[in-house]
Amino acid sequence: MVSKNGEIKMNEELKKVVDSVVDLEDFSMNEFFHEGFEYLLDEYKDTLPKGLTMKDVYSVGGYEGGGEECSFVVDVKIDDNHLGFVMFDGWYASYDGVNFDGNDYKEVKPFEFTETRYK
């Protein structure tokens, strides 16, 4: 659903699932970039929704030389039910790695665009 200002209003089921993951005390953006969500989904399989998968589908920044800001998009599913795509925003500091405010995420939708390149 899109609001009057053009932002996507996050569906409640998706929000509930993502909140259950980011509220885990072991959740860290740094681990995500190195390990993916598999370690959390396995370690907390008894407390998270059964059949939950979260897969990185897009990322920018979050590494040495990649700039201070970073974002990544995760595809959230329970079994074969696609709940949506969620974008997390954060920042990169070489000493700490990637940091973020766990509540700073939003639902996003894929879209196509045309790009002109020259050689």
N, C-alpha and C. Protein backbone atom coordinates (compact mmCIF):
# COMPACT_ATOMS: atom_id res chain seq x y z
N MET A 1 0.84 -1.17 0.00
CA MET A 1 0.00 0.00 0.00
C MET A 1 0.89 1.24 0.00
N VAL A 2 0.56 2.26 -0.80
CA VAL A 2 1.33 3.49 -0.90
C VAL A 2 0.56 4.61 -0.22
N SER A 3 1.25 5.39 0.63
CA SER A 3 0.61 6.49 1.34
C SER A 3 0.49 7.71 0.43
N LYS A 4 -0.14 8.77 0.91
CA LYS A 4 -0.33 9.99 0.13
C LYS A 4 0.97 10.64 -0.27
N ASN A 5 2.01 10.51 0.55
CA ASN A 5 3.30 11.12 0.21
C ASN A 5 4.17 10.21 -0.66
N GLY A 6 3.63 9.09 -1.11
CA GLY A 6 4.34 8.20 -2.02
C GLY A 6 5.16 7.11 -1.35
N GLU A 7 5.23 7.11 -0.02
CA GLU A 7 5.98 6.07 0.68
C GLU A 7 5.13 4.81 0.79
N ILE A 8 5.80 3.68 0.83
CA ILE A 8 5.11 2.40 0.97
C ILE A 8 4.77 2.19 2.44
N LYS A 9 3.52 1.90 2.71
CA LYS A 9 3.09 1.61 4.08
C LYS A 9 3.37 0.12 4.32
N MET A 10 4.20 -0.16 5.30
CA MET A 10 4.63 -1.53 5.56
C MET A 10 3.47 -2.38 6.05
N ASN A 11 3.32 -3.57 5.46
CA ASN A 11 2.26 -4.46 5.93
C ASN A 11 2.62 -4.98 7.32
N GLU A 12 1.62 -5.18 8.13
CA GLU A 12 1.82 -5.52 9.55
C GLU A 12 2.52 -6.85 9.76
N GLU A 13 2.22 -7.85 8.92
CA GLU A 13 2.87 -9.15 9.07
C GLU A 13 4.37 -9.02 8.84
N LEU A 14 4.76 -8.29 7.79
CA LEU A 14 6.17 -8.08 7.50
C LEU A 14 6.85 -7.34 8.65
N LYS A 15 6.23 -6.29 9.15
CA LYS A 15 6.79 -5.51 10.25
C LYS A 15 7.00 -6.38 11.49
N LYS A 16 6.02 -7.19 11.81
CA LYS A 16 6.11 -8.06 12.99
C LYS A 16 7.29 -9.04 12.85
N VAL A 17 7.45 -9.63 11.68
CA VAL A 17 8.54 -10.59 11.45
C VAL A 17 9.90 -9.90 11.53
N VAL A 18 10.04 -8.76 10.86
CA VAL A 18 11.33 -8.06 10.87
C VAL A 18 11.66 -7.57 12.28
N ASP A 19 10.68 -7.04 13.00
CA ASP A 19 10.92 -6.62 14.38
C ASP A 19 11.40 -7.78 15.24
N SER A 20 10.87 -8.97 15.02
CA SER A 20 11.28 -10.13 15.82
C SER A 20 12.75 -10.46 15.61
N VAL A 21 13.29 -10.15 14.43
CA VAL A 21 14.70 -10.41 14.14
C VAL A 21 15.58 -9.28 14.67
N VAL A 22 15.24 -8.02 14.36
CA VAL A 22 16.12 -6.92 14.79
C VAL A 22 16.12 -6.73 16.31
N ASP A 23 15.11 -7.25 16.99
CA ASP A 23 15.07 -7.15 18.45
C ASP A 23 15.94 -8.20 19.14
N LEU A 24 16.48 -9.17 18.41
CA LEU A 24 17.36 -10.17 19.01
C LEU A 24 18.63 -9.49 19.49
N GLU A 25 19.11 -9.85 20.66
CA GLU A 25 20.29 -9.18 21.20
C GLU A 25 21.54 -9.45 20.36
N ASP A 26 21.59 -10.53 19.63
CA ASP A 26 22.76 -10.85 18.81
C ASP A 26 22.71 -10.24 17.41
N PHE A 27 21.61 -9.56 17.07
CA PHE A 27 21.49 -9.01 15.72
C PHE A 27 22.48 -7.86 15.55
N SER A 28 23.30 -7.94 14.53
CA SER A 28 24.22 -6.84 14.23
C SER A 28 24.39 -6.75 12.73
N MET A 29 24.44 -5.54 12.24
CA MET A 29 24.64 -5.29 10.81
C MET A 29 25.97 -5.88 10.35
N ASN A 30 27.01 -5.78 11.19
CA ASN A 30 28.32 -6.29 10.83
C ASN A 30 28.27 -7.79 10.54
N GLU A 31 27.60 -8.54 11.42
CA GLU A 31 27.46 -9.98 11.21
C GLU A 31 26.71 -10.27 9.93
N PHE A 32 25.69 -9.46 9.64
CA PHE A 32 24.94 -9.70 8.42
C PHE A 32 25.84 -9.65 7.20
N PHE A 33 26.68 -8.62 7.11
CA PHE A 33 27.53 -8.47 5.93
C PHE A 33 28.53 -9.61 5.81
N HIS A 34 28.93 -10.20 6.93
CA HIS A 34 29.91 -11.28 6.87
C HIS A 34 29.28 -12.66 6.85
N GLU A 35 28.16 -12.83 7.50
CA GLU A 35 27.57 -14.15 7.67
C GLU A 35 26.22 -14.33 6.99
N GLY A 36 25.52 -13.25 6.71
CA GLY A 36 24.14 -13.35 6.27
C GLY A 36 23.25 -13.60 7.48
N PHE A 37 21.98 -13.79 7.26
CA PHE A 37 21.06 -13.99 8.38
C PHE A 37 20.99 -15.44 8.83
N GLU A 38 21.62 -16.35 8.11
CA GLU A 38 21.49 -17.77 8.41
C GLU A 38 21.86 -18.11 9.85
N TYR A 39 22.93 -17.48 10.36
CA TYR A 39 23.35 -17.81 11.73
C TYR A 39 22.29 -17.43 12.75
N LEU A 40 21.62 -16.29 12.55
CA LEU A 40 20.55 -15.88 13.47
C LEU A 40 19.33 -16.78 13.33
N LEU A 41 18.96 -17.05 12.09
CA LEU A 41 17.76 -17.85 11.85
C LEU A 41 17.93 -19.26 12.42
N ASP A 42 19.17 -19.77 12.37
CA ASP A 42 19.42 -21.09 12.93
C ASP A 42 19.50 -21.04 14.46
N GLU A 43 20.24 -20.06 14.98
CA GLU A 43 20.42 -19.97 16.43
C GLU A 43 19.11 -19.70 17.18
N TYR A 44 18.22 -18.94 16.56
CA TYR A 44 16.97 -18.57 17.22
C TYR A 44 15.75 -19.23 16.59
N LYS A 45 15.96 -20.39 15.97
CA LYS A 45 14.86 -21.05 15.25
C LYS A 45 13.67 -21.37 16.14
N ASP A 46 13.88 -21.50 17.44
CA ASP A 46 12.77 -21.80 18.34
C ASP A 46 11.94 -20.57 18.70
N THR A 47 12.49 -19.38 18.52
CA THR A 47 11.76 -18.15 18.87
C THR A 47 11.26 -17.37 17.66
N LEU A 48 11.86 -17.60 16.50
CA LEU A 48 11.45 -16.89 15.28
C LEU A 48 10.38 -17.69 14.54
N PRO A 49 9.63 -17.04 13.66
CA PRO A 49 8.60 -17.77 12.90
C PRO A 49 9.19 -18.95 12.13
N LYS A 50 8.52 -20.08 12.18
CA LYS A 50 8.97 -21.30 11.48
C LYS A 50 8.98 -21.06 9.97
N GLY A 51 10.04 -21.49 9.31
CA GLY A 51 10.15 -21.35 7.86
C GLY A 51 10.64 -20.00 7.39
N LEU A 52 11.08 -19.13 8.32
CA LEU A 52 11.52 -17.78 7.97
C LEU A 52 12.86 -17.82 7.23
N THR A 53 12.92 -17.11 6.10
CA THR A 53 14.19 -16.88 5.40
C THR A 53 14.31 -15.39 5.12
N MET A 54 15.54 -14.89 5.23
CA MET A 54 15.85 -13.50 4.92
C MET A 54 17.11 -13.52 4.09
N LYS A 55 17.01 -13.06 2.85
CA LYS A 55 18.14 -13.14 1.92
C LYS A 55 18.48 -11.76 1.39
N ASP A 56 19.77 -11.43 1.43
CA ASP A 56 20.25 -10.16 0.89
C ASP A 56 20.08 -10.16 -0.62
N VAL A 57 19.39 -9.14 -1.15
CA VAL A 57 19.20 -9.06 -2.60
C VAL A 57 19.87 -7.83 -3.20
N TYR A 58 20.29 -6.88 -2.35
CA TYR A 58 20.96 -5.67 -2.85
C TYR A 58 21.69 -5.01 -1.69
N SER A 59 22.88 -4.52 -1.96
CA SER A 59 23.59 -3.74 -0.94
C SER A 59 24.50 -2.74 -1.62
N VAL A 60 24.74 -1.65 -0.91
CA VAL A 60 25.66 -0.62 -1.38
C VAL A 60 26.41 -0.08 -0.17
N GLY A 61 27.74 0.08 -0.30
CA GLY A 61 28.55 0.55 0.82
C GLY A 61 28.75 -0.54 1.85
N GLY A 62 29.23 -0.13 3.03
CA GLY A 62 29.42 -1.09 4.12
C GLY A 62 30.74 -1.82 4.08
N TYR A 63 31.74 -1.26 3.39
CA TYR A 63 33.05 -1.89 3.30
C TYR A 63 34.10 -0.79 3.13
N GLU A 64 35.34 -1.14 3.38
CA GLU A 64 36.42 -0.18 3.25
C GLU A 64 36.45 0.38 1.83
N GLY A 65 36.43 1.69 1.71
CA GLY A 65 36.43 2.34 0.40
C GLY A 65 35.04 2.49 -0.20
N GLY A 66 34.00 2.02 0.49
CA GLY A 66 32.64 2.07 -0.03
C GLY A 66 31.85 3.29 0.42
N GLY A 67 32.51 4.22 1.12
CA GLY A 67 31.82 5.39 1.62
C GLY A 67 31.28 5.17 3.02
N GLU A 68 30.83 6.25 3.64
CA GLU A 68 30.36 6.16 5.02
C GLU A 68 28.97 5.56 5.14
N GLU A 69 28.10 5.84 4.17
CA GLU A 69 26.73 5.35 4.26
C GLU A 69 26.59 4.00 3.57
N CYS A 70 25.69 3.18 4.09
CA CYS A 70 25.44 1.90 3.45
C CYS A 70 23.96 1.55 3.59
N SER A 71 23.49 0.73 2.68
CA SER A 71 22.11 0.24 2.71
C SER A 71 22.11 -1.18 2.22
N PHE A 72 21.16 -1.96 2.70
CA PHE A 72 20.98 -3.28 2.11
C PHE A 72 19.51 -3.63 2.12
N VAL A 73 19.11 -4.41 1.12
CA VAL A 73 17.73 -4.84 0.96
C VAL A 73 17.67 -6.34 1.17
N VAL A 74 16.67 -6.76 1.95
CA VAL A 74 16.49 -8.16 2.30
C VAL A 74 15.13 -8.63 1.81
N ASP A 75 15.10 -9.81 1.20
CA ASP A 75 13.87 -10.46 0.77
C ASP A 75 13.40 -11.34 1.94
N VAL A 76 12.20 -11.08 2.45
CA VAL A 76 11.68 -11.78 3.62
C VAL A 76 10.58 -12.75 3.20
N LYS A 77 10.75 -14.04 3.56
CA LYS A 77 9.76 -15.07 3.22
C LYS A 77 9.52 -15.97 4.42
N ILE A 78 8.34 -16.51 4.47
CA ILE A 78 8.05 -17.62 5.39
C ILE A 78 7.56 -18.74 4.49
N ASP A 79 8.36 -19.81 4.44
CA ASP A 79 8.14 -20.91 3.50
C ASP A 79 8.06 -20.32 2.09
N ASP A 80 6.97 -20.53 1.36
CA ASP A 80 6.85 -19.98 0.01
C ASP A 80 6.08 -18.66 -0.03
N ASN A 81 5.71 -18.13 1.13
CA ASN A 81 4.95 -16.90 1.21
C ASN A 81 5.90 -15.70 1.25
N HIS A 82 5.97 -14.95 0.15
CA HIS A 82 6.82 -13.76 0.09
C HIS A 82 6.14 -12.62 0.85
N LEU A 83 6.79 -12.15 1.92
CA LEU A 83 6.21 -11.08 2.73
C LEU A 83 6.58 -9.70 2.23
N GLY A 84 7.77 -9.56 1.64
CA GLY A 84 8.17 -8.26 1.11
C GLY A 84 9.67 -8.07 1.16
N PHE A 85 10.09 -6.89 0.69
CA PHE A 85 11.49 -6.48 0.71
C PHE A 85 11.66 -5.37 1.73
N VAL A 86 12.72 -5.44 2.52
CA VAL A 86 12.98 -4.45 3.56
C VAL A 86 14.37 -3.86 3.34
N MET A 87 14.47 -2.52 3.41
CA MET A 87 15.75 -1.83 3.28
C MET A 87 16.19 -1.33 4.65
N PHE A 88 17.45 -1.66 5.01
CA PHE A 88 18.09 -1.16 6.22
C PHE A 88 19.12 -0.12 5.81
N ASP A 89 19.20 0.97 6.53
CA ASP A 89 20.21 2.00 6.29
C ASP A 89 21.15 2.06 7.47
N GLY A 90 22.42 2.30 7.20
CA GLY A 90 23.41 2.38 8.26
C GLY A 90 24.61 3.20 7.84
N TRP A 91 25.69 3.08 8.57
CA TRP A 91 26.90 3.78 8.24
C TRP A 91 28.09 2.87 8.53
N TYR A 92 29.20 3.18 7.88
CA TYR A 92 30.40 2.34 8.00
C TYR A 92 31.52 3.13 8.66
N ALA A 93 32.13 2.55 9.66
CA ALA A 93 33.32 3.10 10.30
C ALA A 93 34.35 1.98 10.33
N SER A 94 35.54 2.23 9.81
CA SER A 94 36.49 1.13 9.61
C SER A 94 36.85 0.40 10.91
N TYR A 95 36.86 1.09 12.04
CA TYR A 95 37.19 0.41 13.30
C TYR A 95 36.05 -0.51 13.75
N ASP A 96 34.81 -0.01 13.67
CA ASP A 96 33.65 -0.76 14.15
C ASP A 96 33.01 -1.65 13.10
N GLY A 97 33.27 -1.38 11.85
CA GLY A 97 32.53 -2.07 10.80
C GLY A 97 31.22 -1.33 10.53
N VAL A 98 30.15 -2.06 10.27
CA VAL A 98 28.87 -1.45 9.92
C VAL A 98 28.02 -1.27 11.16
N ASN A 99 27.38 -0.13 11.26
CA ASN A 99 26.50 0.18 12.38
C ASN A 99 25.15 0.63 11.84
N PHE A 100 24.11 0.48 12.63
CA PHE A 100 22.82 0.97 12.21
C PHE A 100 21.88 1.02 13.40
N ASP A 101 20.80 1.77 13.21
CA ASP A 101 19.73 1.81 14.19
C ASP A 101 18.74 0.75 13.74
N GLY A 102 18.58 -0.31 14.50
CA GLY A 102 17.74 -1.44 14.09
C GLY A 102 16.33 -1.07 13.72
N ASN A 103 15.82 0.04 14.23
CA ASN A 103 14.47 0.45 13.89
C ASN A 103 14.42 1.27 12.61
N ASP A 104 15.57 1.52 12.01
CA ASP A 104 15.64 2.32 10.80
C ASP A 104 15.56 1.41 9.57
N TYR A 105 14.39 0.92 9.30
CA TYR A 105 14.18 0.12 8.10
C TYR A 105 12.82 0.46 7.53
N LYS A 106 12.65 0.13 6.25
CA LYS A 106 11.38 0.41 5.59
C LYS A 106 11.14 -0.62 4.50
N GLU A 107 9.88 -0.81 4.17
CA GLU A 107 9.54 -1.71 3.08
C GLU A 107 9.81 -1.00 1.76
N VAL A 108 10.38 -1.72 0.81
CA VAL A 108 10.66 -1.18 -0.52
C VAL A 108 10.14 -2.16 -1.56
N LYS A 109 9.98 -1.68 -2.77
CA LYS A 109 9.52 -2.51 -3.89
C LYS A 109 10.54 -2.42 -5.02
N PRO A 110 10.77 -3.51 -5.74
CA PRO A 110 11.68 -3.44 -6.89
C PRO A 110 11.02 -2.66 -8.03
N PHE A 111 11.84 -2.03 -8.83
CA PHE A 111 11.33 -1.33 -10.01
C PHE A 111 12.39 -1.39 -11.10
N GLU A 112 11.97 -1.25 -12.32
CA GLU A 112 12.89 -1.28 -13.46
C GLU A 112 13.22 0.14 -13.86
N PHE A 113 14.44 0.34 -14.38
CA PHE A 113 14.80 1.64 -14.92
C PHE A 113 15.80 1.43 -16.06
N THR A 114 15.89 2.42 -16.90
CA THR A 114 16.80 2.37 -18.04
C THR A 114 18.01 3.21 -17.72
N GLU A 115 19.20 2.69 -18.02
CA GLU A 115 20.44 3.40 -17.77
C GLU A 115 21.20 3.49 -19.08
N THR A 116 21.72 4.66 -19.39
CA THR A 116 22.53 4.85 -20.57
C THR A 116 23.98 4.87 -20.14
N ARG A 117 24.81 4.09 -20.80
CA ARG A 117 26.24 4.04 -20.52
C ARG A 117 27.02 4.37 -21.78
N TYR A 118 28.22 4.86 -21.59
CA TYR A 118 29.08 5.22 -22.72
C TYR A 118 30.43 4.56 -22.56
N LYS A 119 31.07 4.24 -23.72
CA LYS A 119 32.42 3.70 -23.66
C LYS A 119 33.29 4.33 -24.71
